[in-house]
């Protein structure tokens, strides 16, 4: 045991003291913040406004077809498909004469691709205009319609998870964001740190350092020391990232004015409503935004999410790192490892795609079984946990997933240990998975 601890200490300290580790640990949270901020800024600034000329054979779309920030509908004279670009329009919408309720196709021609999202918006606007016209034909005036549309925007959806202890407010958007974030982090780290284990073992084998080391320790002890030591580096990095992100969030609050924070405090104390019966509209827009963010974040069960994230990060890493260690023990260069790493990396990649499906439908059979099978559970289960335990994820599924992952890690460690013992001293021979399985299951 002392020998394993010495190997863990060596692997851990040699990497933590590395300048690359320090720089990536400090700069990654800032890089993520800049990426999110930059993406938000460019998404707000980068909208292309489409100026659409409408040729309407019906005569009622003018006044019923509403503009948006991205779509501007105009009804000019003398504009057709041959000159709409020259007239300064990006698109032309051709609406033929409708014959009652008979299905009729209308066409939009564009100078550049309109994009799927904007196509759907045009379709919705045209349908809304037809609906408004039908209502006006049945006696409702334009002024009444505008008033109804404006007055009908007061309702907001709140989602609640019903449990044995009562209902708890939830946020599907936050759950999806947490699922994506945790899944992507585990996906990336399993690949990065798994490859790091493989390359570390491969370098020691190539440099013949392993021959010297295993004269003092058993091959299994060397393998476990490297796996746990490199895994501890990953955990350290995540803890430091959490501290830095919390520090950045705290520092960001110092830029918010005292009056705004006081309004946020009153909103929190009164359930989102300012005292005095005036409603939340009395608070400033900035205070409402800060309160909404804090309130949304408060709907998540953070102790459970953080605890499960650490478990699935560690469990998933150990499960796959043992396999990467086995591969590293039988190859001498990166090129020779490519064919052997494919069967290990493919389940990780497939798990990522299953995760996206699980976020859309966390109760599907695919999501449930993929969150229990240890090859995919570290990524897929974290995508489901954010939607609620025991609501979306019953306790038995969470327990079965954890038990299977622990059992899977023990199995892959045993398997890798048997392969490692033979492969670490094998040189000049190209090894296949078939041979590796023979080493693993032969009687010794």
Foldseek 3Di string as FASTA:
>chain_A
DVLLVVLLVVLQVVVCPDPVLVCCLVCVLVVVVCVVVVVVVCVVVVAAAFEEEEDAPAPQLVLQQDADPRYHYDHDPPDDPVCCVVVPGQKYKYHHHDDPPPDDDIDMDGPDDPDDVNVVVNVVSVVRSVVVVVVVVVPQDSVNVVVCVVVVPPDDDWDWFQDPVGIATADLVVLQVQLLVLLVVLLVCLVVLLLVLLVVLLVCLLVVVVVVVCVPPPLLSNSSSNLNSSLVSVVVSVVSNVVVVVVVVVVVVVPDDPVLVVLLVQCVVVVNAHPPPPGNVVHDPSSSVVNVVVVNVVRWPVVVLVVLSVLLSSLLNLLLSLQSNLLSLQDNDPVLSVVVCVVSSVLSVVLSVLLVVCSVPVQDPSLLVLCQALSNVSSSVSSQVRVDPPRSPDPVSVVNSSVNSVVSSVVSSLLSSQSNNPRNNDPDDRDDVVVSVCSSPPDD
